[in-house]
Amino acid sequence: MKLLWNAVNRLPVSKSLKHPLFLLLNTLLFGLLGFLVWLIVRTDALDTLTYMTLFIGYPAMFLGFYGGIITLFVRCA
């Protein structure tokens, strides 16, 4: 997350736009990682839209969004 925050922080945009941009990119990144994990571990039992949604949604929400909020609190406090 530090690498992503440093990349977003260097962008020539206002500070009020950097925080939402970081949260969006962090959430998308962890959702993509969850999708890649689902592609690796899926079998006949896990090969449904429900499991794909769970593998994408939980990491995106908890690690991406909530983790990003905690990161912003720590870095920008």
N, C-alpha and C. Protein backbone atom coordinates (compact mmCIF):
# COMPACT_ATOMS: atom_id res chain seq x y z
N MET A 1 0.81 -1.18 0.00
CA MET A 1 0.00 0.00 0.00
C MET A 1 0.87 1.26 0.00
N LYS A 2 2.03 1.14 0.61
CA LYS A 2 2.92 2.30 0.66
C LYS A 2 3.37 2.69 -0.74
N LEU A 3 3.67 1.71 -1.57
CA LEU A 3 4.10 1.98 -2.93
C LEU A 3 2.98 2.66 -3.72
N LEU A 4 1.75 2.19 -3.56
CA LEU A 4 0.62 2.80 -4.25
C LEU A 4 0.37 4.22 -3.75
N TRP A 5 0.46 4.42 -2.44
CA TRP A 5 0.25 5.77 -1.90
C TRP A 5 1.32 6.73 -2.40
N ASN A 6 2.57 6.28 -2.45
CA ASN A 6 3.63 7.15 -2.96
C ASN A 6 3.41 7.51 -4.42
N ALA A 7 2.91 6.56 -5.21
CA ALA A 7 2.63 6.83 -6.62
C ALA A 7 1.49 7.84 -6.77
N VAL A 8 0.44 7.66 -5.98
CA VAL A 8 -0.70 8.59 -6.04
C VAL A 8 -0.30 9.95 -5.50
N ASN A 9 0.52 9.98 -4.47
CA ASN A 9 0.93 11.23 -3.84
C ASN A 9 1.78 12.09 -4.79
N ARG A 10 2.48 11.46 -5.72
CA ARG A 10 3.31 12.21 -6.67
C ARG A 10 2.51 12.78 -7.83
N LEU A 11 1.27 12.37 -7.99
CA LEU A 11 0.46 12.87 -9.11
C LEU A 11 0.16 14.35 -8.94
N PRO A 12 0.12 15.09 -10.02
CA PRO A 12 -0.15 16.53 -9.93
C PRO A 12 -1.65 16.84 -9.85
N VAL A 13 -2.29 16.34 -8.81
CA VAL A 13 -3.72 16.61 -8.57
C VAL A 13 -3.87 17.16 -7.16
N SER A 14 -5.03 17.71 -6.87
CA SER A 14 -5.25 18.31 -5.55
C SER A 14 -5.27 17.24 -4.47
N LYS A 15 -4.97 17.66 -3.25
CA LYS A 15 -4.92 16.72 -2.13
C LYS A 15 -6.29 16.11 -1.85
N SER A 16 -7.34 16.87 -2.11
CA SER A 16 -8.68 16.34 -1.87
C SER A 16 -9.05 15.24 -2.86
N LEU A 17 -8.35 15.14 -3.99
CA LEU A 17 -8.60 14.09 -4.96
C LEU A 17 -7.69 12.88 -4.75
N LYS A 18 -6.56 13.08 -4.08
CA LYS A 18 -5.60 11.99 -3.89
C LYS A 18 -6.15 10.89 -2.99
N HIS A 19 -6.85 11.25 -1.94
CA HIS A 19 -7.37 10.24 -1.01
C HIS A 19 -8.41 9.34 -1.66
N PRO A 20 -9.43 9.89 -2.33
CA PRO A 20 -10.39 8.99 -3.00
C PRO A 20 -9.76 8.17 -4.12
N LEU A 21 -8.80 8.76 -4.83
CA LEU A 21 -8.13 8.02 -5.89
C LEU A 21 -7.35 6.85 -5.32
N PHE A 22 -6.67 7.08 -4.20
CA PHE A 22 -5.93 5.99 -3.55
C PHE A 22 -6.89 4.89 -3.10
N LEU A 23 -8.02 5.25 -2.49
CA LEU A 23 -8.99 4.24 -2.05
C LEU A 23 -9.54 3.45 -3.22
N LEU A 24 -9.85 4.13 -4.31
CA LEU A 24 -10.37 3.44 -5.49
C LEU A 24 -9.35 2.46 -6.06
N LEU A 25 -8.13 2.92 -6.25
CA LEU A 25 -7.09 2.06 -6.83
C LEU A 25 -6.74 0.90 -5.89
N ASN A 26 -6.71 1.15 -4.60
CA ASN A 26 -6.40 0.10 -3.64
C ASN A 26 -7.50 -0.96 -3.62
N THR A 27 -8.76 -0.53 -3.68
CA THR A 27 -9.87 -1.47 -3.70
C THR A 27 -9.86 -2.29 -4.98
N LEU A 28 -9.62 -1.64 -6.11
CA LEU A 28 -9.55 -2.37 -7.38
C LEU A 28 -8.38 -3.35 -7.40
N LEU A 29 -7.25 -2.96 -6.84
CA LEU A 29 -6.09 -3.83 -6.80
C LEU A 29 -6.37 -5.10 -6.00
N PHE A 30 -6.95 -4.96 -4.82
CA PHE A 30 -7.24 -6.14 -4.01
C PHE A 30 -8.37 -6.97 -4.59
N GLY A 31 -9.32 -6.35 -5.29
CA GLY A 31 -10.34 -7.11 -6.00
C GLY A 31 -9.74 -7.93 -7.12
N LEU A 32 -8.80 -7.34 -7.85
CA LEU A 32 -8.11 -8.06 -8.92
C LEU A 32 -7.29 -9.21 -8.35
N LEU A 33 -6.63 -8.99 -7.23
CA LEU A 33 -5.87 -10.08 -6.60
C LEU A 33 -6.78 -11.21 -6.16
N GLY A 34 -7.96 -10.88 -5.62
CA GLY A 34 -8.93 -11.90 -5.25
C GLY A 34 -9.40 -12.69 -6.47
N PHE A 35 -9.61 -12.00 -7.59
CA PHE A 35 -10.01 -12.67 -8.83
C PHE A 35 -8.91 -13.62 -9.31
N LEU A 36 -7.66 -13.19 -9.22
CA LEU A 36 -6.55 -14.05 -9.64
C LEU A 36 -6.44 -15.27 -8.75
N VAL A 37 -6.66 -15.11 -7.45
CA VAL A 37 -6.64 -16.26 -6.54
C VAL A 37 -7.77 -17.21 -6.89
N TRP A 38 -8.96 -16.66 -7.20
CA TRP A 38 -10.09 -17.51 -7.59
C TRP A 38 -9.76 -18.29 -8.86
N LEU A 39 -9.09 -17.65 -9.82
CA LEU A 39 -8.72 -18.36 -11.04
C LEU A 39 -7.77 -19.52 -10.77
N ILE A 40 -6.92 -19.35 -9.77
CA ILE A 40 -5.95 -20.39 -9.45
C ILE A 40 -6.59 -21.54 -8.69
N VAL A 41 -7.44 -21.26 -7.72
CA VAL A 41 -7.96 -22.31 -6.83
C VAL A 41 -9.31 -22.87 -7.23
N ARG A 42 -9.91 -22.33 -8.26
CA ARG A 42 -11.25 -22.82 -8.62
C ARG A 42 -11.20 -24.26 -9.12
N THR A 43 -12.18 -24.99 -8.71
CA THR A 43 -12.38 -26.37 -9.18
C THR A 43 -13.83 -26.45 -9.65
N ASP A 44 -14.32 -27.61 -9.83
CA ASP A 44 -15.73 -27.75 -10.23
C ASP A 44 -16.66 -27.21 -9.15
N ALA A 45 -16.28 -27.36 -7.90
CA ALA A 45 -17.14 -26.90 -6.80
C ALA A 45 -17.10 -25.38 -6.64
N LEU A 46 -15.98 -24.76 -6.92
CA LEU A 46 -15.83 -23.32 -6.74
C LEU A 46 -16.02 -22.54 -8.04
N ASP A 47 -16.43 -23.21 -9.09
CA ASP A 47 -16.51 -22.58 -10.40
C ASP A 47 -17.89 -21.98 -10.66
N THR A 48 -18.34 -21.12 -9.76
CA THR A 48 -19.63 -20.45 -9.94
C THR A 48 -19.44 -18.95 -9.76
N LEU A 49 -20.44 -18.20 -10.20
CA LEU A 49 -20.41 -16.75 -10.08
C LEU A 49 -20.43 -16.32 -8.62
N THR A 50 -21.08 -17.10 -7.78
CA THR A 50 -21.15 -16.77 -6.35
C THR A 50 -19.77 -16.80 -5.72
N TYR A 51 -19.02 -17.85 -5.98
CA TYR A 51 -17.68 -17.94 -5.40
C TYR A 51 -16.75 -16.89 -5.97
N MET A 52 -16.88 -16.59 -7.25
CA MET A 52 -16.06 -15.55 -7.84
C MET A 52 -16.34 -14.20 -7.16
N THR A 53 -17.62 -13.92 -6.93
CA THR A 53 -17.99 -12.67 -6.26
C THR A 53 -17.43 -12.62 -4.85
N LEU A 54 -17.47 -13.73 -4.14
CA LEU A 54 -16.92 -13.77 -2.79
C LEU A 54 -15.41 -13.59 -2.79
N PHE A 55 -14.73 -14.24 -3.72
CA PHE A 55 -13.27 -14.12 -3.80
C PHE A 55 -12.84 -12.70 -4.18
N ILE A 56 -13.66 -11.99 -4.94
CA ILE A 56 -13.35 -10.62 -5.31
C ILE A 56 -13.79 -9.65 -4.22
N GLY A 57 -14.98 -9.85 -3.69
CA GLY A 57 -15.59 -8.88 -2.79
C GLY A 57 -14.94 -8.76 -1.43
N TYR A 58 -14.66 -9.88 -0.80
CA TYR A 58 -14.09 -9.81 0.55
C TYR A 58 -12.71 -9.14 0.58
N PRO A 59 -11.76 -9.53 -0.26
CA PRO A 59 -10.48 -8.81 -0.22
C PRO A 59 -10.61 -7.35 -0.62
N ALA A 60 -11.48 -7.07 -1.60
CA ALA A 60 -11.64 -5.69 -2.05
C ALA A 60 -12.19 -4.83 -0.92
N MET A 61 -13.18 -5.34 -0.20
CA MET A 61 -13.81 -4.53 0.84
C MET A 61 -12.92 -4.42 2.07
N PHE A 62 -12.48 -5.56 2.59
CA PHE A 62 -11.75 -5.53 3.87
C PHE A 62 -10.31 -5.08 3.72
N LEU A 63 -9.57 -5.67 2.80
CA LEU A 63 -8.17 -5.29 2.64
C LEU A 63 -8.02 -4.01 1.82
N GLY A 64 -8.80 -3.88 0.77
CA GLY A 64 -8.67 -2.73 -0.11
C GLY A 64 -9.26 -1.46 0.47
N PHE A 65 -10.56 -1.48 0.77
CA PHE A 65 -11.23 -0.26 1.21
C PHE A 65 -10.92 0.07 2.66
N TYR A 66 -11.22 -0.87 3.57
CA TYR A 66 -10.98 -0.59 4.99
C TYR A 66 -9.49 -0.48 5.30
N GLY A 67 -8.68 -1.33 4.68
CA GLY A 67 -7.22 -1.22 4.85
C GLY A 67 -6.68 0.08 4.30
N GLY A 68 -7.26 0.54 3.20
CA GLY A 68 -6.86 1.84 2.64
C GLY A 68 -7.22 2.99 3.54
N ILE A 69 -8.39 2.92 4.18
CA ILE A 69 -8.78 3.96 5.13
C ILE A 69 -7.83 3.99 6.30
N ILE A 70 -7.49 2.83 6.83
CA ILE A 70 -6.54 2.77 7.95
C ILE A 70 -5.18 3.31 7.52
N THR A 71 -4.75 2.96 6.30
CA THR A 71 -3.48 3.48 5.79
C THR A 71 -3.50 5.00 5.69
N LEU A 72 -4.59 5.56 5.22
CA LEU A 72 -4.70 7.01 5.12
C LEU A 72 -4.69 7.67 6.50
N PHE A 73 -5.36 7.04 7.46
CA PHE A 73 -5.33 7.59 8.82
C PHE A 73 -3.90 7.62 9.38
N VAL A 74 -3.16 6.57 9.14
CA VAL A 74 -1.79 6.47 9.68
C VAL A 74 -0.85 7.42 8.95
N ARG A 75 -0.92 7.46 7.63
CA ARG A 75 0.00 8.26 6.83
C ARG A 75 -0.28 9.74 6.88
N CYS A 76 -1.54 10.11 6.95
CA CYS A 76 -1.92 11.52 6.82
C CYS A 76 -2.33 12.17 8.12
N ALA A 77 -2.17 11.48 9.22
CA ALA A 77 -2.57 12.04 10.51
C ALA A 77 -1.55 13.01 11.04
